[in-house]
């Protein structure tokens, strides 16, 4: 069986509210289907993106500013960027996990994705980039 991946780029913008995560998950599920990811990798991607969005909602420090989720198929990878436009905060790993089991989002993203990057946006805010390798042959 051969797969053909078509290059694409799409985005969704949601209000910074955890009730919006359902829309983000639907978006990711659609993008993953277009990229021909199997159900296991699709689930991993949905969990990682949900965690990144939840972090954006909780930690941006700007409750009224939207969260933008961008998806692109490029270089044989499906790349998802989650951007918030609040304050940038470096993830803290020095203290380990908190007793109330918080602080597990970033380690979970790293465990599920092929690549995770976190960067400060030039105008303020945080960009989390998640990527997964696509099954060969990838045409994007």
C-alpha atoms as a PDB file:
ATOM      1  CA  UNK A   1       0.000   0.000   0.000  1.00  0.00           C
ATOM      2  CA  UNK A   2       1.393   3.400  -0.918  1.00  0.00           C
ATOM      3  CA  UNK A   3       0.491   6.706   0.614  1.00  0.00           C
ATOM      4  CA  UNK A   4       0.666  10.044  -1.103  1.00  0.00           C
ATOM      5  CA  UNK A   5       0.878  13.126   1.069  1.00  0.00           C
ATOM      6  CA  UNK A   6      -0.194  16.423  -0.402  1.00  0.00           C
ATOM      7  CA  UNK A   7       1.489  19.544   0.908  1.00  0.00           C
ATOM      8  CA  UNK A   8      -0.946  21.789   2.752  1.00  0.00           C
ATOM      9  CA  UNK A   9      -1.082  24.572   5.263  1.00  0.00           C
ATOM     10  CA  UNK A  10      -4.117  25.389   7.413  1.00  0.00           C
ATOM     11  CA  UNK A  11      -4.874  27.157  10.659  1.00  0.00           C
ATOM     12  CA  UNK A  12      -7.551  27.657  13.276  1.00  0.00           C
ATOM     13  CA  UNK A  13      -7.829  30.450  15.826  1.00  0.00           C
ATOM     14  CA  UNK A  14      -9.684  29.847  19.084  1.00  0.00           C
ATOM     15  CA  UNK A  15     -10.492  31.834  22.173  1.00  0.00           C
ATOM     16  CA  UNK A  16      -8.243  31.106  25.172  1.00  0.00           C
ATOM     17  CA  UNK A  17     -10.677  28.799  26.921  1.00  0.00           C
ATOM     18  CA  UNK A  18     -10.333  25.078  27.565  1.00  0.00           C
ATOM     19  CA  UNK A  19     -13.854  24.603  26.188  1.00  0.00           C
ATOM     20  CA  UNK A  20     -12.329  25.403  22.782  1.00  0.00           C
ATOM     21  CA  UNK A  21     -10.034  22.348  22.905  1.00  0.00           C
ATOM     22  CA  UNK A  22     -12.750  20.258  21.262  1.00  0.00           C
ATOM     23  CA  UNK A  23     -12.519  22.433  18.127  1.00  0.00           C
ATOM     24  CA  UNK A  24      -8.737  22.155  18.158  1.00  0.00           C
ATOM     25  CA  UNK A  25      -8.935  18.358  18.446  1.00  0.00           C
ATOM     26  CA  UNK A  26     -11.343  18.205  15.486  1.00  0.00           C
ATOM     27  CA  UNK A  27      -8.944  20.374  13.473  1.00  0.00           C
ATOM     28  CA  UNK A  28      -5.972  18.150  14.346  1.00  0.00           C
ATOM     29  CA  UNK A  29      -7.943  15.010  13.531  1.00  0.00           C
ATOM     30  CA  UNK A  30      -8.800  16.415  10.090  1.00  0.00           C
ATOM     31  CA  UNK A  31      -5.213  17.458   9.392  1.00  0.00           C
ATOM     32  CA  UNK A  32      -3.889  14.070  10.526  1.00  0.00           C
ATOM     33  CA  UNK A  33      -6.328  12.296   8.199  1.00  0.00           C
ATOM     34  CA  UNK A  34      -5.168  14.439   5.272  1.00  0.00           C
ATOM     35  CA  UNK A  35      -1.568  13.547   6.147  1.00  0.00           C
ATOM     36  CA  UNK A  36      -2.536   9.834   6.281  1.00  0.00           C
ATOM     37  CA  UNK A  37      -1.385   9.360   9.872  1.00  0.00           C
ATOM     38  CA  UNK A  38      -2.539   6.118  11.442  1.00  0.00           C
ATOM     39  CA  UNK A  39      -4.914   6.164  14.407  1.00  0.00           C
ATOM     40  CA  UNK A  40      -2.168   5.729  17.019  1.00  0.00           C
ATOM     41  CA  UNK A  41      -0.078   8.659  15.747  1.00  0.00           C
ATOM     42  CA  UNK A  42      -3.248  10.729  15.324  1.00  0.00           C
ATOM     43  CA  UNK A  43      -4.130  10.115  18.982  1.00  0.00           C
ATOM     44  CA  UNK A  44      -0.577  11.032  20.063  1.00  0.00           C
ATOM     45  CA  UNK A  45      -0.768  14.247  18.041  1.00  0.00           C
ATOM     46  CA  UNK A  46      -4.175  15.164  19.463  1.00  0.00           C
ATOM     47  CA  UNK A  47      -2.926  14.659  23.033  1.00  0.00           C
ATOM     48  CA  UNK A  48       0.249  16.698  22.452  1.00  0.00           C
ATOM     49  CA  UNK A  49      -1.596  19.574  20.749  1.00  0.00           C
ATOM     50  CA  UNK A  50      -4.268  19.575  23.477  1.00  0.00           C
ATOM     51  CA  UNK A  51      -1.542  19.832  26.127  1.00  0.00           C
ATOM     52  CA  UNK A  52       0.174  22.697  24.298  1.00  0.00           C
ATOM     53  CA  UNK A  53      -3.140  24.548  23.905  1.00  0.00           C
ATOM     54  CA  UNK A  54      -4.069  23.993  27.549  1.00  0.00           C
ATOM     55  CA  UNK A  55      -0.666  25.414  28.531  1.00  0.00           C
ATOM     56  CA  UNK A  56      -1.259  28.430  26.271  1.00  0.00           C
ATOM     57  CA  UNK A  57      -4.631  29.066  27.906  1.00  0.00           C
ATOM     58  CA  UNK A  58      -3.320  28.620  31.440  1.00  0.00           C
ATOM     59  CA  UNK A  59       0.101  30.254  31.263  1.00  0.00           C
ATOM     60  CA  UNK A  60      -0.057  33.051  28.666  1.00  0.00           C
ATOM     61  CA  UNK A  61      -1.080  35.629  31.251  1.00  0.00           C
ATOM     62  CA  UNK A  62      -3.418  37.281  28.737  1.00  0.00           C
ATOM     63  CA  UNK A  63      -6.874  35.766  29.109  1.00  0.00           C
ATOM     64  CA  UNK A  64      -8.464  37.706  26.222  1.00  0.00           C
ATOM     65  CA  UNK A  65      -5.928  36.959  23.497  1.00  0.00           C
ATOM     66  CA  UNK A  66      -6.590  34.096  21.053  1.00  0.00           C
ATOM     67  CA  UNK A  67      -4.593  30.932  20.509  1.00  0.00           C
ATOM     68  CA  UNK A  68      -3.657  30.104  16.916  1.00  0.00           C
ATOM     69  CA  UNK A  69      -2.971  26.546  15.768  1.00  0.00           C
ATOM     70  CA  UNK A  70      -1.237  26.150  12.398  1.00  0.00           C
ATOM     71  CA  UNK A  71      -0.671  22.889  10.561  1.00  0.00           C
ATOM     72  CA  UNK A  72       1.620  22.274   7.613  1.00  0.00           C
ATOM     73  CA  UNK A  73       2.808  19.255   5.725  1.00  0.00           C
ATOM     74  CA  UNK A  74       6.431  19.852   4.761  1.00  0.00           C
ATOM     75  CA  UNK A  75       9.718  18.020   4.543  1.00  0.00           C
ATOM     76  CA  UNK A  76       8.085  14.644   5.090  1.00  0.00           C
ATOM     77  CA  UNK A  77       6.642  15.824   8.397  1.00  0.00           C
ATOM     78  CA  UNK A  78       3.363  17.056   9.770  1.00  0.00           C
ATOM     79  CA  UNK A  79       4.206  20.211  11.716  1.00  0.00           C
ATOM     80  CA  UNK A  80       1.775  21.839  14.155  1.00  0.00           C
ATOM     81  CA  UNK A  81       2.466  25.232  15.728  1.00  0.00           C
ATOM     82  CA  UNK A  82       0.541  26.525  18.715  1.00  0.00           C
ATOM     83  CA  UNK A  83       0.926  30.269  19.285  1.00  0.00           C
ATOM     84  CA  UNK A  84      -0.352  32.401  22.127  1.00  0.00           C
ATOM     85  CA  UNK A  85       0.147  36.136  22.234  1.00  0.00           C
ATOM     86  CA  UNK A  86       0.503  36.657  25.970  1.00  0.00           C
ATOM     87  CA  UNK A  87       3.682  36.626  27.999  1.00  0.00           C
ATOM     88  CA  UNK A  88       6.540  34.240  27.273  1.00  0.00           C
ATOM     89  CA  UNK A  89       7.532  31.898  30.060  1.00  0.00           C
ATOM     90  CA  UNK A  90      10.315  29.353  29.773  1.00  0.00           C
ATOM     91  CA  UNK A  91       9.167  25.897  30.799  1.00  0.00           C
ATOM     92  CA  UNK A  92      10.491  24.966  34.205  1.00  0.00           C
ATOM     93  CA  UNK A  93      12.064  21.546  34.471  1.00  0.00           C
ATOM     94  CA  UNK A  94      14.403  22.324  37.344  1.00  0.00           C
ATOM     95  CA  UNK A  95      11.918  21.389  40.050  1.00  0.00           C
ATOM     96  CA  UNK A  96      10.655  18.211  38.421  1.00  0.00           C
ATOM     97  CA  UNK A  97       6.990  17.321  38.613  1.00  0.00           C
ATOM     98  CA  UNK A  98       4.804  18.999  41.166  1.00  0.00           C
ATOM     99  CA  UNK A  99       3.144  16.932  43.859  1.00  0.00           C
ATOM    100  CA  UNK A 100      -0.328  17.551  42.454  1.00  0.00           C
ATOM    101  CA  UNK A 101       0.739  15.906  39.161  1.00  0.00           C
ATOM    102  CA  UNK A 102       0.880  19.197  37.320  1.00  0.00           C
ATOM    103  CA  UNK A 103       3.752  20.009  35.026  1.00  0.00           C
ATOM    104  CA  UNK A 104       3.411  16.798  33.027  1.00  0.00           C
ATOM    105  CA  UNK A 105       2.372  18.447  29.741  1.00  0.00           C
ATOM    106  CA  UNK A 106       5.803  19.191  28.297  1.00  0.00           C
ATOM    107  CA  UNK A 107       7.320  15.789  29.140  1.00  0.00           C
ATOM    108  CA  UNK A 108       4.227  14.171  27.631  1.00  0.00           C
ATOM    109  CA  UNK A 109       4.603  16.205  24.420  1.00  0.00           C
ATOM    110  CA  UNK A 110       8.278  15.228  24.188  1.00  0.00           C
ATOM    111  CA  UNK A 111       7.428  11.553  24.700  1.00  0.00           C
ATOM    112  CA  UNK A 112       4.706  11.553  22.028  1.00  0.00           C
ATOM    113  CA  UNK A 113       6.247  13.701  19.281  1.00  0.00           C
ATOM    114  CA  UNK A 114       9.289  13.276  17.061  1.00  0.00           C
ATOM    115  CA  UNK A 115      10.279  16.888  17.726  1.00  0.00           C
ATOM    116  CA  UNK A 116       9.172  19.609  20.160  1.00  0.00           C
ATOM    117  CA  UNK A 117      10.445  23.197  20.081  1.00  0.00           C
ATOM    118  CA  UNK A 118       9.464  26.179  22.213  1.00  0.00           C
ATOM    119  CA  UNK A 119      10.262  29.741  21.192  1.00  0.00           C
ATOM    120  CA  UNK A 120       9.449  33.292  22.192  1.00  0.00           C
ATOM    121  CA  UNK A 121       7.453  35.209  19.573  1.00  0.00           C
ATOM    122  CA  UNK A 122       8.977  38.536  18.562  1.00  0.00           C
ATOM    123  CA  UNK A 123       5.841  40.499  19.498  1.00  0.00           C
ATOM    124  CA  UNK A 124       5.373  38.624  22.761  1.00  0.00           C
ATOM    125  CA  UNK A 125       3.916  35.238  23.415  1.00  0.00           C
ATOM    126  CA  UNK A 126       4.996  31.660  22.947  1.00  0.00           C
ATOM    127  CA  UNK A 127       5.223  29.342  19.955  1.00  0.00           C
ATOM    128  CA  UNK A 128       5.256  25.579  20.516  1.00  0.00           C
ATOM    129  CA  UNK A 129       6.171  23.548  17.442  1.00  0.00           C
ATOM    130  CA  UNK A 130       5.330  19.842  17.368  1.00  0.00           C
ATOM    131  CA  UNK A 131       6.198  17.538  14.501  1.00  0.00           C
ATOM    132  CA  UNK A 132       5.779  13.923  13.508  1.00  0.00           C
ATOM    133  CA  UNK A 133       7.418  12.071  10.659  1.00  0.00           C
ATOM    134  CA  UNK A 134       5.017  10.915   7.978  1.00  0.00           C
ATOM    135  CA  UNK A 135       5.059   7.379   6.644  1.00  0.00           C
ATOM    136  CA  UNK A 136       7.034   7.001   3.416  1.00  0.00           C
ATOM    137  CA  UNK A 137       6.720   8.029   0.726  1.00  0.00           C
ATOM    138  CA  UNK A 138       5.975  11.559   1.893  1.00  0.00           C
ATOM    139  CA  UNK A 139       5.389  14.048  -0.889  1.00  0.00           C
ATOM    140  CA  UNK A 140       5.481  17.136   1.243  1.00  0.00           C
END
